[in-house]
Amino acid sequence: MKKIVKTSIIFMLIIVMANISYASGIIDQIEEPKINQELANMLGGVIGVIQIVGTGVAVGASIYLGIKYILSSTEEKADIKKKLVPFVIGVIIFYGATGILQIIANFSTIFPTR
C-alpha cells in the first residue's frame, strides 16, 4: 500500500512539473502555430465541467462515508474501512486522468492543426 501511495504521489508531481520547460534557442526562426482556438476552448470547458462534477461527487461521497463511519458500530466500521480503499484509489485515478486531459488540452494550443 505504501508503494502505491509513493508512486501515485510521484506521478502527480510529474504531472504538475510537466508544464515547466527550460528550452532555449532561436525564437525568430520558429513559425507561429495555427491554433484551433475553438477546439481548445471547448476541450478546456469540458475538462473543467468534468473536474467540478467529479470533485463534487468525491466530496459528497467522503462526507457520506465519514458520517456513516462516525455513527456505525465496530463491525460496520471495519466494512466502511474496506470500502474506503477503493474509494481513495478511484479518487487518485480520477484526478490523474483529468490532469492528463488538462495536459493534452494545454498541448493542443501549442501544436498546429492541419
PDB file of N, CA and C in Angstrom:
ATOM      1  N   MET A   1       0.825  -1.191   0.000  1.00  0.00           N
ATOM      2  CA  MET A   1       0.000   0.000   0.000  1.00  0.00           C
ATOM      3  C   MET A   1       0.865   1.249   0.000  1.00  0.00           C
ATOM      4  N   LYS A   2       1.952   1.232   0.783  1.00  0.00           N
ATOM      5  CA  LYS A   2       2.825   2.393   0.837  1.00  0.00           C
ATOM      6  C   LYS A   2       3.483   2.639  -0.514  1.00  0.00           C
ATOM      7  N   LYS A   3       3.798   1.570  -1.228  1.00  0.00           N
ATOM      8  CA  LYS A   3       4.426   1.706  -2.543  1.00  0.00           C
ATOM      9  C   LYS A   3       3.465   2.355  -3.536  1.00  0.00           C
ATOM     10  N   ILE A   4       2.187   1.993  -3.463  1.00  0.00           N
ATOM     11  CA  ILE A   4       1.189   2.582  -4.343  1.00  0.00           C
ATOM     12  C   ILE A   4       1.039   4.067  -4.050  1.00  0.00           C
ATOM     13  N   VAL A   5       1.015   4.428  -2.781  1.00  0.00           N
ATOM     14  CA  VAL A   5       0.875   5.831  -2.404  1.00  0.00           C
ATOM     15  C   VAL A   5       2.089   6.621  -2.869  1.00  0.00           C
ATOM     16  N   LYS A   6       3.287   6.077  -2.675  1.00  0.00           N
ATOM     17  CA  LYS A   6       4.501   6.776  -3.097  1.00  0.00           C
ATOM     18  C   LYS A   6       4.533   6.960  -4.605  1.00  0.00           C
ATOM     19  N   THR A   7       4.194   5.917  -5.351  1.00  0.00           N
ATOM     20  CA  THR A   7       4.229   6.050  -6.802  1.00  0.00           C
ATOM     21  C   THR A   7       3.149   7.002  -7.304  1.00  0.00           C
ATOM     22  N   SER A   8       1.989   7.017  -6.657  1.00  0.00           N
ATOM     23  CA  SER A   8       0.948   7.954  -7.084  1.00  0.00           C
ATOM     24  C   SER A   8       1.344   9.391  -6.774  1.00  0.00           C
ATOM     25  N   ILE A   9       2.010   9.632  -5.658  1.00  0.00           N
ATOM     26  CA  ILE A   9       2.486  10.977  -5.335  1.00  0.00           C
ATOM     27  C   ILE A   9       3.545  11.414  -6.334  1.00  0.00           C
ATOM     28  N   ILE A  10       4.459  10.523  -6.680  1.00  0.00           N
ATOM     29  CA  ILE A  10       5.492  10.839  -7.666  1.00  0.00           C
ATOM     30  C   ILE A  10       4.849  11.121  -9.017  1.00  0.00           C
ATOM     31  N   PHE A  11       3.852  10.329  -9.401  1.00  0.00           N
ATOM     32  CA  PHE A  11       3.152  10.530 -10.668  1.00  0.00           C
ATOM     33  C   PHE A  11       2.463  11.894 -10.693  1.00  0.00           C
ATOM     34  N   MET A  12       1.817  12.268  -9.597  1.00  0.00           N
ATOM     35  CA  MET A  12       1.149  13.576  -9.523  1.00  0.00           C
ATOM     36  C   MET A  12       2.164  14.722  -9.621  1.00  0.00           C
ATOM     37  N   LEU A  13       3.316  14.572  -8.964  1.00  0.00           N
ATOM     38  CA  LEU A  13       4.347  15.606  -9.053  1.00  0.00           C
ATOM     39  C   LEU A  13       4.876  15.736 -10.479  1.00  0.00           C
ATOM     40  N   ILE A  14       5.009  14.632 -11.178  1.00  0.00           N
ATOM     41  CA  ILE A  14       5.460  14.675 -12.571  1.00  0.00           C
ATOM     42  C   ILE A  14       4.432  15.413 -13.422  1.00  0.00           C
ATOM     43  N   ILE A  15       3.153  15.181 -13.170  1.00  0.00           N
ATOM     44  CA  ILE A  15       2.106  15.870 -13.922  1.00  0.00           C
ATOM     45  C   ILE A  15       2.170  17.378 -13.663  1.00  0.00           C
ATOM     46  N   VAL A  16       2.374  17.753 -12.406  1.00  0.00           N
ATOM     47  CA  VAL A  16       2.425  19.176 -12.079  1.00  0.00           C
ATOM     48  C   VAL A  16       3.667  19.818 -12.692  1.00  0.00           C
ATOM     49  N   MET A  17       4.795  19.128 -12.657  1.00  0.00           N
ATOM     50  CA  MET A  17       6.035  19.686 -13.169  1.00  0.00           C
ATOM     51  C   MET A  17       6.144  19.620 -14.685  1.00  0.00           C
ATOM     52  N   ALA A  18       5.186  18.990 -15.369  1.00  0.00           N
ATOM     53  CA  ALA A  18       5.271  18.833 -16.826  1.00  0.00           C
ATOM     54  C   ALA A  18       5.138  20.161 -17.555  1.00  0.00           C
ATOM     55  N   ASN A  19       4.584  21.162 -16.907  1.00  0.00           N
ATOM     56  CA  ASN A  19       4.398  22.448 -17.562  1.00  0.00           C
ATOM     57  C   ASN A  19       5.657  23.309 -17.533  1.00  0.00           C
ATOM     58  N   ILE A  20       6.684  22.910 -16.794  1.00  0.00           N
ATOM     59  CA  ILE A  20       7.916  23.684 -16.694  1.00  0.00           C
ATOM     60  C   ILE A  20       8.850  23.257 -17.819  1.00  0.00           C
ATOM     61  N   SER A  21       9.422  24.239 -18.510  1.00  0.00           N
ATOM     62  CA  SER A  21      10.333  23.944 -19.610  1.00  0.00           C
ATOM     63  C   SER A  21      11.517  24.895 -19.535  1.00  0.00           C
ATOM     64  N   TYR A  22      12.704  24.369 -19.759  1.00  0.00           N
ATOM     65  CA  TYR A  22      13.914  25.172 -19.748  1.00  0.00           C
ATOM     66  C   TYR A  22      14.532  25.224 -21.144  1.00  0.00           C
ATOM     67  N   ALA A  23      13.711  25.264 -22.176  1.00  0.00           N
ATOM     68  CA  ALA A  23      14.199  25.255 -23.545  1.00  0.00           C
ATOM     69  C   ALA A  23      14.723  26.642 -23.920  1.00  0.00           C
ATOM     70  N   SER A  24      15.742  26.653 -24.753  1.00  0.00           N
ATOM     71  CA  SER A  24      16.255  27.911 -25.267  1.00  0.00           C
ATOM     72  C   SER A  24      16.670  27.696 -26.713  1.00  0.00           C
ATOM     73  N   GLY A  25      16.736  28.755 -27.462  1.00  0.00           N
ATOM     74  CA  GLY A  25      17.119  28.653 -28.864  1.00  0.00           C
ATOM     75  C   GLY A  25      16.720  29.902 -29.599  1.00  0.00           C
ATOM     76  N   ILE A  26      16.818  29.839 -30.909  1.00  0.00           N
ATOM     77  CA  ILE A  26      16.486  30.983 -31.738  1.00  0.00           C
ATOM     78  C   ILE A  26      14.987  31.002 -31.951  1.00  0.00           C
ATOM     79  N   ILE A  27      14.327  31.972 -31.363  1.00  0.00           N
ATOM     80  CA  ILE A  27      12.879  32.042 -31.412  1.00  0.00           C
ATOM     81  C   ILE A  27      12.406  32.697 -32.715  1.00  0.00           C
ATOM     82  N   ASP A  28      13.239  33.535 -33.339  1.00  0.00           N
ATOM     83  CA  ASP A  28      12.825  34.243 -34.542  1.00  0.00           C
ATOM     84  C   ASP A  28      12.562  33.297 -35.708  1.00  0.00           C
ATOM     85  N   GLN A  29      13.184  32.139 -35.733  1.00  0.00           N
ATOM     86  CA  GLN A  29      13.037  31.230 -36.854  1.00  0.00           C
ATOM     87  C   GLN A  29      11.824  30.304 -36.716  1.00  0.00           C
ATOM     88  N   ILE A  30      11.187  30.327 -35.576  1.00  0.00           N
ATOM     89  CA  ILE A  30      10.041  29.449 -35.341  1.00  0.00           C
ATOM     90  C   ILE A  30       8.779  30.141 -35.841  1.00  0.00           C
ATOM     91  N   GLU A  31       8.024  29.432 -36.680  1.00  0.00           N
ATOM     92  CA  GLU A  31       6.764  29.980 -37.164  1.00  0.00           C
ATOM     93  C   GLU A  31       5.707  29.857 -36.078  1.00  0.00           C
ATOM     94  N   GLU A  32       4.803  30.798 -36.092  1.00  0.00           N
ATOM     95  CA  GLU A  32       3.727  30.749 -35.117  1.00  0.00           C
ATOM     96  C   GLU A  32       2.739  29.652 -35.519  1.00  0.00           C
ATOM     97  N   PRO A  33       2.373  28.771 -34.602  1.00  0.00           N
ATOM     98  CA  PRO A  33       1.494  27.657 -34.968  1.00  0.00           C
ATOM     99  C   PRO A  33       0.078  28.127 -35.257  1.00  0.00           C
ATOM    100  N   LYS A  34      -0.612  27.357 -36.065  1.00  0.00           N
ATOM    101  CA  LYS A  34      -2.021  27.616 -36.342  1.00  0.00           C
ATOM    102  C   LYS A  34      -2.828  26.917 -35.259  1.00  0.00           C
ATOM    103  N   ILE A  35      -3.501  27.683 -34.456  1.00  0.00           N
ATOM    104  CA  ILE A  35      -4.213  27.133 -33.304  1.00  0.00           C
ATOM    105  C   ILE A  35      -5.703  27.083 -33.610  1.00  0.00           C
ATOM    106  N   ASN A  36      -6.274  25.924 -33.405  1.00  0.00           N
ATOM    107  CA  ASN A  36      -7.718  25.799 -33.497  1.00  0.00           C
ATOM    108  C   ASN A  36      -8.277  26.192 -32.135  1.00  0.00           C
ATOM    109  N   GLN A  37      -8.506  27.481 -31.967  1.00  0.00           N
ATOM    110  CA  GLN A  37      -8.875  28.028 -30.670  1.00  0.00           C
ATOM    111  C   GLN A  37     -10.250  27.530 -30.210  1.00  0.00           C
ATOM    112  N   GLU A  38     -11.163  27.310 -31.123  1.00  0.00           N
ATOM    113  CA  GLU A  38     -12.497  26.835 -30.737  1.00  0.00           C
ATOM    114  C   GLU A  38     -12.426  25.446 -30.103  1.00  0.00           C
ATOM    115  N   LEU A  39     -11.620  24.569 -30.706  1.00  0.00           N
ATOM    116  CA  LEU A  39     -11.468  23.220 -30.158  1.00  0.00           C
ATOM    117  C   LEU A  39     -10.798  23.265 -28.793  1.00  0.00           C
ATOM    118  N   ALA A  40      -9.766  24.102 -28.663  1.00  0.00           N
ATOM    119  CA  ALA A  40      -9.057  24.206 -27.385  1.00  0.00           C
ATOM    120  C   ALA A  40      -9.981  24.752 -26.298  1.00  0.00           C
ATOM    121  N   ASN A  41     -10.794  25.747 -26.629  1.00  0.00           N
ATOM    122  CA  ASN A  41     -11.717  26.310 -25.638  1.00  0.00           C
ATOM    123  C   ASN A  41     -12.792  25.290 -25.242  1.00  0.00           C
ATOM    124  N   MET A  42     -13.306  24.545 -26.241  1.00  0.00           N
ATOM    125  CA  MET A  42     -14.324  23.539 -25.941  1.00  0.00           C
ATOM    126  C   MET A  42     -13.749  22.428 -25.059  1.00  0.00           C
ATOM    127  N   LEU A  43     -12.550  21.951 -25.402  1.00  0.00           N
ATOM    128  CA  LEU A  43     -11.917  20.896 -24.623  1.00  0.00           C
ATOM    129  C   LEU A  43     -11.634  21.359 -23.196  1.00  0.00           C
ATOM    130  N   GLY A  44     -11.148  22.587 -23.059  1.00  0.00           N
ATOM    131  CA  GLY A  44     -10.902  23.127 -21.720  1.00  0.00           C
ATOM    132  C   GLY A  44     -12.173  23.246 -20.903  1.00  0.00           C
ATOM    133  N   GLY A  45     -13.274  23.665 -21.558  1.00  0.00           N
ATOM    134  CA  GLY A  45     -14.553  23.778 -20.853  1.00  0.00           C
ATOM    135  C   GLY A  45     -15.097  22.437 -20.410  1.00  0.00           C
ATOM    136  N   VAL A  46     -14.984  21.442 -21.281  1.00  0.00           N
ATOM    137  CA  VAL A  46     -15.463  20.097 -20.941  1.00  0.00           C
ATOM    138  C   VAL A  46     -14.656  19.522 -19.780  1.00  0.00           C
ATOM    139  N   ILE A  47     -13.338  19.693 -19.831  1.00  0.00           N
ATOM    140  CA  ILE A  47     -12.492  19.185 -18.748  1.00  0.00           C
ATOM    141  C   ILE A  47     -12.825  19.896 -17.439  1.00  0.00           C
ATOM    142  N   GLY A  48     -13.072  21.200 -17.507  1.00  0.00           N
ATOM    143  CA  GLY A  48     -13.443  21.949 -16.303  1.00  0.00           C
ATOM    144  C   GLY A  48     -14.729  21.446 -15.687  1.00  0.00           C
ATOM    145  N   VAL A  49     -15.735  21.172 -16.513  1.00  0.00           N
ATOM    146  CA  VAL A  49     -17.016  20.663 -16.006  1.00  0.00           C
ATOM    147  C   VAL A  49     -16.827  19.281 -15.384  1.00  0.00           C
ATOM    148  N   ILE A  50     -16.042  18.427 -16.055  1.00  0.00           N
ATOM    149  CA  ILE A  50     -15.787  17.084 -15.514  1.00  0.00           C
ATOM    150  C   ILE A  50     -15.084  17.172 -14.164  1.00  0.00           C
ATOM    151  N   GLN A  51     -14.113  18.081 -14.048  1.00  0.00           N
ATOM    152  CA  GLN A  51     -13.402  18.235 -12.775  1.00  0.00           C
ATOM    153  C   GLN A  51     -14.334  18.727 -11.676  1.00  0.00           C
ATOM    154  N   ILE A  52     -15.209  19.678 -11.988  1.00  0.00           N
ATOM    155  CA  ILE A  52     -16.125  20.209 -10.975  1.00  0.00           C
ATOM    156  C   ILE A  52     -17.113  19.129 -10.516  1.00  0.00           C
ATOM    157  N   VAL A  53     -17.699  18.413 -11.464  1.00  0.00           N
ATOM    158  CA  VAL A  53     -18.659  17.365 -11.106  1.00  0.00           C
ATOM    159  C   VAL A  53     -17.969  16.244 -10.320  1.00  0.00           C
ATOM    160  N   GLY A  54     -16.791  15.820 -10.787  1.00  0.00           N
ATOM    161  CA  GLY A  54     -16.055  14.760 -10.090  1.00  0.00           C
ATOM    162  C   GLY A  54     -15.637  15.155  -8.691  1.00  0.00           C
ATOM    163  N   THR A  55     -15.218  16.414  -8.533  1.00  0.00           N
ATOM    164  CA  THR A  55     -14.845  16.886  -7.201  1.00  0.00           C
ATOM    165  C   THR A  55     -16.061  16.916  -6.282  1.00  0.00           C
ATOM    166  N   GLY A  56     -17.207  17.335  -6.813  1.00  0.00           N
ATOM    167  CA  GLY A  56     -18.430  17.333  -6.006  1.00  0.00           C
ATOM    168  C   GLY A  56     -18.828  15.936  -5.567  1.00  0.00           C
ATOM    169  N   VAL A  57     -18.710  14.983  -6.482  1.00  0.00           N
ATOM    170  CA  VAL A  57     -19.042  13.588  -6.147  1.00  0.00           C
ATOM    171  C   VAL A  57     -18.059  13.047  -5.107  1.00  0.00           C
ATOM    172  N   ALA A  58     -16.772  13.349  -5.274  1.00  0.00           N
ATOM    173  CA  ALA A  58     -15.763  12.860  -4.322  1.00  0.00           C
ATOM    174  C   ALA A  58     -15.979  13.458  -2.937  1.00  0.00           C
ATOM    175  N   VAL A  59     -16.279  14.744  -2.876  1.00  0.00           N
ATOM    176  CA  VAL A  59     -16.523  15.379  -1.574  1.00  0.00           C
ATOM    177  C   VAL A  59     -17.798  14.826  -0.943  1.00  0.00           C
ATOM    178  N   GLY A  60     -18.848  14.683  -1.744  1.00  0.00           N
ATOM    179  CA  GLY A  60     -20.101  14.136  -1.206  1.00  0.00           C
ATOM    180  C   GLY A  60     -19.944  12.713  -0.696  1.00  0.00           C
ATOM    181  N   ALA A  61     -19.215  11.888  -1.450  1.00  0.00           N
ATOM    182  CA  ALA A  61     -19.002  10.508  -1.019  1.00  0.00           C
ATOM    183  C   ALA A  61     -18.149  10.444   0.240  1.00  0.00           C
ATOM    184  N   SER A  62     -17.143  11.312   0.323  1.00  0.00           N
ATOM    185  CA  SER A  62     -16.302  11.285   1.527  1.00  0.00           C
ATOM    186  C   SER A  62     -17.072  11.779   2.752  1.00  0.00           C
ATOM    187  N   ILE A  63     -17.944  12.759   2.573  1.00  0.00           N
ATOM    188  CA  ILE A  63     -18.791  13.208   3.687  1.00  0.00           C
ATOM    189  C   ILE A  63     -19.734  12.079   4.118  1.00  0.00           C
ATOM    190  N   TYR A  64     -20.338  11.406   3.136  1.00  0.00           N
ATOM    191  CA  TYR A  64     -21.240  10.292   3.443  1.00  0.00           C
ATOM    192  C   TYR A  64     -20.513   9.184   4.201  1.00  0.00           C
ATOM    193  N   LEU A  65     -19.327   8.799   3.709  1.00  0.00           N
ATOM    194  CA  LEU A  65     -18.570   7.738   4.398  1.00  0.00           C
ATOM    195  C   LEU A  65     -18.126   8.173   5.787  1.00  0.00           C
ATOM    196  N   GLY A  66     -17.769   9.449   5.935  1.00  0.00           N
ATOM    197  CA  GLY A  66     -17.360   9.947   7.245  1.00  0.00           C
ATOM    198  C   GLY A  66     -18.490   9.924   8.262  1.00  0.00           C
ATOM    199  N   ILE A  67     -19.658  10.387   7.860  1.00  0.00           N
ATOM    200  CA  ILE A  67     -20.807  10.378   8.765  1.00  0.00           C
ATOM    201  C   ILE A  67     -21.221   8.939   9.085  1.00  0.00           C
ATOM    202  N   LYS A  68     -21.222   8.086   8.069  1.00  0.00           N
ATOM    203  CA  LYS A  68     -21.573   6.682   8.290  1.00  0.00           C
ATOM    204  C   LYS A  68     -20.578   6.017   9.239  1.00  0.00           C
ATOM    205  N   TYR A  69     -19.287   6.377   9.121  1.00  0.00           N
ATOM    206  CA  TYR A  69     -18.260   5.812   9.985  1.00  0.00           C
ATOM    207  C   TYR A  69     -18.461   6.261  11.435  1.00  0.00           C
ATOM    208  N   ILE A  70     -18.780   7.519  11.612  1.00  0.00           N
ATOM    209  CA  ILE A  70     -18.968   8.057  12.962  1.00  0.00           C
ATOM    210  C   ILE A  70     -20.176   7.408  13.649  1.00  0.00           C
ATOM    211  N   LEU A  71     -21.242   7.174  12.909  1.00  0.00           N
ATOM    212  CA  LEU A  71     -22.479   6.664  13.505  1.00  0.00           C
ATOM    213  C   LEU A  71     -22.566   5.141  13.533  1.00  0.00           C
ATOM    214  N   SER A  72     -21.577   4.430  13.069  1.00  0.00           N
ATOM    215  CA  SER A  72     -21.672   2.976  12.958  1.00  0.00           C
ATOM    216  C   SER A  72     -21.046   2.270  14.159  1.00  0.00           C
ATOM    217  N   SER A  73     -21.361   0.973  14.237  1.00  0.00           N
ATOM    218  CA  SER A  73     -20.797   0.145  15.298  1.00  0.00           C
ATOM    219  C   SER A  73     -19.411  -0.357  14.874  1.00  0.00           C
ATOM    220  N   THR A  74     -18.807  -1.160  15.720  1.00  0.00           N
ATOM    221  CA  THR A  74     -17.451  -1.627  15.470  1.00  0.00           C
ATOM    222  C   THR A  74     -17.361  -2.503  14.223  1.00  0.00           C
ATOM    223  N   GLU A  75     -18.300  -3.398  14.041  1.00  0.00           N
ATOM    224  CA  GLU A  75     -18.277  -4.281  12.865  1.00  0.00           C
ATOM    225  C   GLU A  75     -18.516  -3.493  11.578  1.00  0.00           C
ATOM    226  N   GLU A  76     -19.412  -2.527  11.637  1.00  0.00           N
ATOM    227  CA  GLU A  76     -19.700  -1.722  10.457  1.00  0.00           C
ATOM    228  C   GLU A  76     -18.515  -0.816  10.098  1.00  0.00           C
ATOM    229  N   LYS A  77     -17.761  -0.404  11.109  1.00  0.00           N
ATOM    230  CA  LYS A  77     -16.582   0.431  10.844  1.00  0.00           C
ATOM    231  C   LYS A  77     -15.548  -0.336  10.032  1.00  0.00           C
ATOM    232  N   ALA A  78     -15.410  -1.617  10.278  1.00  0.00           N
ATOM    233  CA  ALA A  78     -14.474  -2.432   9.508  1.00  0.00           C
ATOM    234  C   ALA A  78     -14.925  -2.528   8.050  1.00  0.00           C
ATOM    235  N   ASP A  79     -16.238  -2.665   7.836  1.00  0.00           N
ATOM    236  CA  ASP A  79     -16.753  -2.708   6.461  1.00  0.00           C
ATOM    237  C   ASP A  79     -16.526  -1.380   5.744  1.00  0.00           C
ATOM    238  N   ILE A  80     -16.705  -0.280   6.460  1.00  0.00           N
ATOM    239  CA  ILE A  80     -16.503   1.036   5.854  1.00  0.00           C
ATOM    240  C   ILE A  80     -15.038   1.238   5.495  1.00  0.00           C
ATOM    241  N   LYS A  81     -14.136   0.755   6.340  1.00  0.00           N
ATOM    242  CA  LYS A  81     -12.707   0.861   6.026  1.00  0.00           C
ATOM    243  C   LYS A  81     -12.364   0.071   4.769  1.00  0.00           C
ATOM    244  N   LYS A  82     -13.030  -1.069   4.562  1.00  0.00           N
ATOM    245  CA  LYS A  82     -12.805  -1.850   3.339  1.00  0.00           C
ATOM    246  C   LYS A  82     -13.299  -1.093   2.106  1.00  0.00           C
ATOM    247  N   LYS A  83     -14.384  -0.341   2.248  1.00  0.00           N
ATOM    248  CA  LYS A  83     -14.903   0.447   1.135  1.00  0.00           C
ATOM    249  C   LYS A  83     -14.055   1.694   0.880  1.00  0.00           C
ATOM    250  N   LEU A  84     -13.323   2.126   1.867  1.00  0.00           N
ATOM    251  CA  LEU A  84     -12.550   3.357   1.749  1.00  0.00           C
ATOM    252  C   LEU A  84     -11.346   3.196   0.819  1.00  0.00           C
ATOM    253  N   VAL A  85     -10.732   2.038   0.787  1.00  0.00           N
ATOM    254  CA  VAL A  85      -9.546   1.813  -0.051  1.00  0.00           C
ATOM    255  C   VAL A  85      -9.875   1.965  -1.538  1.00  0.00           C
ATOM    256  N   PRO A  86     -10.913   1.295  -2.064  1.00  0.00           N
ATOM    257  CA  PRO A  86     -11.234   1.517  -3.480  1.00  0.00           C
ATOM    258  C   PRO A  86     -11.670   2.955  -3.772  1.00  0.00           C
ATOM    259  N   PHE A  87     -12.302   3.596  -2.800  1.00  0.00           N
ATOM    260  CA  PHE A  87     -12.721   4.983  -2.971  1.00  0.00           C
ATOM    261  C   PHE A  87     -11.504   5.891  -3.157  1.00  0.00           C
ATOM    262  N   VAL A  88     -10.500   5.738  -2.312  1.00  0.00           N
ATOM    263  CA  VAL A  88      -9.287   6.567  -2.412  1.00  0.00           C
ATOM    264  C   VAL A  88      -8.556   6.283  -3.729  1.00  0.00           C
ATOM    265  N   ILE A  89      -8.472   5.029  -4.112  1.00  0.00           N
ATOM    266  CA  ILE A  89      -7.826   4.675  -5.379  1.00  0.00           C
ATOM    267  C   ILE A  89      -8.597   5.297  -6.551  1.00  0.00           C
ATOM    268  N   GLY A  90      -9.908   5.266  -6.495  1.00  0.00           N
ATOM    269  CA  GLY A  90     -10.724   5.870  -7.542  1.00  0.00           C
ATOM    270  C   GLY A  90     -10.527   7.372  -7.638  1.00  0.00           C
ATOM    271  N   VAL A  91     -10.425   8.035  -6.490  1.00  0.00           N
ATOM    272  CA  VAL A  91     -10.191   9.484  -6.493  1.00  0.00           C
ATOM    273  C   VAL A  91      -8.822   9.797  -7.098  1.00  0.00           C
ATOM    274  N   ILE A  92      -7.811   9.010  -6.757  1.00  0.00           N
ATOM    275  CA  ILE A  92      -6.473   9.223  -7.318  1.00  0.00           C
ATOM    276  C   ILE A  92      -6.485   9.010  -8.831  1.00  0.00           C
ATOM    277  N   ILE A  93      -7.170   7.973  -9.288  1.00  0.00           N
ATOM    278  CA  ILE A  93      -7.260   7.717 -10.729  1.00  0.00           C
ATOM    279  C   ILE A  93      -8.017   8.843 -11.426  1.00  0.00           C
ATOM    280  N   PHE A  94      -9.098   9.329 -10.807  1.00  0.00           N
ATOM    281  CA  PHE A  94      -9.878  10.409 -11.406  1.00  0.00           C
ATOM    282  C   PHE A  94      -9.036  11.665 -11.588  1.00  0.00           C
ATOM    283  N   TYR A  95      -8.341  12.087 -10.525  1.00  0.00           N
ATOM    284  CA  TYR A  95      -7.541  13.307 -10.628  1.00  0.00           C
ATOM    285  C   TYR A  95      -6.338  13.114 -11.545  1.00  0.00           C
ATOM    286  N   GLY A  96      -5.791  11.918 -11.599  1.00  0.00           N
ATOM    287  CA  GLY A  96      -4.711  11.646 -12.543  1.00  0.00           C
ATOM    288  C   GLY A  96      -5.195  11.729 -13.985  1.00  0.00           C
ATOM    289  N   ALA A  97      -6.370  11.161 -14.258  1.00  0.00           N
ATOM    290  CA  ALA A  97      -6.913  11.184 -15.625  1.00  0.00           C
ATOM    291  C   ALA A  97      -7.267  12.598 -16.053  1.00  0.00           C
ATOM    292  N   THR A  98      -7.896  13.364 -15.176  1.00  0.00           N
ATOM    293  CA  THR A  98      -8.233  14.736 -15.550  1.00  0.00           C
ATOM    294  C   THR A  98      -6.984  15.600 -15.668  1.00  0.00           C
ATOM    295  N   GLY A  99      -5.952  15.289 -14.897  1.00  0.00           N
ATOM    296  CA  GLY A  99      -4.683  16.006 -15.049  1.00  0.00           C
ATOM    297  C   GLY A  99      -4.042  15.730 -16.397  1.00  0.00           C
ATOM    298  N   ILE A 100      -4.089  14.475 -16.824  1.00  0.00           N
ATOM    299  CA  ILE A 100      -3.544  14.112 -18.140  1.00  0.00           C
ATOM    300  C   ILE A 100      -4.354  14.796 -19.242  1.00  0.00           C
ATOM    301  N   LEU A 101      -5.679  14.825 -19.106  1.00  0.00           N
ATOM    302  CA  LEU A 101      -6.508  15.517 -20.088  1.00  0.00           C
ATOM    303  C   LEU A 101      -6.204  17.012 -20.124  1.00  0.00           C
ATOM    304  N   GLN A 102      -5.929  17.590 -18.966  1.00  0.00           N
ATOM    305  CA  GLN A 102      -5.581  19.012 -18.908  1.00  0.00           C
ATOM    306  C   GLN A 102      -4.255  19.271 -19.625  1.00  0.00           C
ATOM    307  N   ILE A 103      -3.295  18.370 -19.475  1.00  0.00           N
ATOM    308  CA  ILE A 103      -2.017  18.499 -20.179  1.00  0.00           C
ATOM    309  C   ILE A 103      -2.232  18.401 -21.683  1.00  0.00           C
ATOM    310  N   ILE A 104      -3.083  17.467 -22.113  1.00  0.00           N
ATOM    311  CA  ILE A 104      -3.385  17.334 -23.542  1.00  0.00           C
ATOM    312  C   ILE A 104      -4.048  18.609 -24.060  1.00  0.00           C
ATOM    313  N   ALA A 105      -4.946  19.188 -23.271  1.00  0.00           N
ATOM    314  CA  ALA A 105      -5.603  20.430 -23.685  1.00  0.00           C
ATOM    315  C   ALA A 105      -4.583  21.558 -23.798  1.00  0.00           C
ATOM    316  N   ASN A 106      -3.616  21.599 -22.888  1.00  0.00           N
ATOM    317  CA  ASN A 106      -2.579  22.632 -22.961  1.00  0.00           C
ATOM    318  C   ASN A 106      -1.707  22.444 -24.193  1.00  0.00           C
ATOM    319  N   PHE A 107      -1.363  21.207 -24.521  1.00  0.00           N
ATOM    320  CA  PHE A 107      -0.551  20.948 -25.699  1.00  0.00           C
ATOM    321  C   PHE A 107      -1.329  21.194 -26.989  1.00  0.00           C
ATOM    322  N   SER A 108      -2.643  21.052 -26.943  1.00  0.00           N
ATOM    323  CA  SER A 108      -3.432  21.273 -28.158  1.00  0.00           C
ATOM    324  C   SER A 108      -3.397  22.732 -28.585  1.00  0.00           C
ATOM    325  N   THR A 109      -3.108  23.641 -27.675  1.00  0.00           N
ATOM    326  CA  THR A 109      -2.982  25.037 -28.052  1.00  0.00           C
ATOM    327  C   THR A 109      -1.583  25.369 -28.547  1.00  0.00           C
ATOM    328  N   ILE A 110      -0.626  24.457 -28.391  1.00  0.00           N
ATOM    329  CA  ILE A 110       0.748  24.702 -28.821  1.00  0.00           C
ATOM    330  C   ILE A 110       0.986  24.190 -30.227  1.00  0.00           C
ATOM    331  N   PHE A 111       0.563  22.958 -30.521  1.00  0.00           N
ATOM    332  CA  PHE A 111       0.867  22.334 -31.794  1.00  0.00           C
ATOM    333  C   PHE A 111      -0.095  22.804 -32.875  1.00  0.00           C
ATOM    334  N   PRO A 112       0.386  22.946 -34.101  1.00  0.00           N
ATOM    335  CA  PRO A 112      -0.502  23.385 -35.179  1.00  0.00           C
ATOM    336  C   PRO A 112      -1.483  22.302 -35.584  1.00  0.00           C
ATOM    337  N   THR A 113      -2.632  22.744 -36.054  1.00  0.00           N
ATOM    338  CA  THR A 113      -3.624  21.809 -36.565  1.00  0.00           C
ATOM    339  C   THR A 113      -3.620  21.859 -38.081  1.00  0.00           C
ATOM    340  N   ARG A 114      -3.978  20.758 -38.718  1.00  0.00           N
ATOM    341  CA  ARG A 114      -3.939  20.718 -40.186  1.00  0.00           C
ATOM    342  C   ARG A 114      -5.311  20.528 -40.756  1.00  0.00           C
TER     343      ARG A 114
END
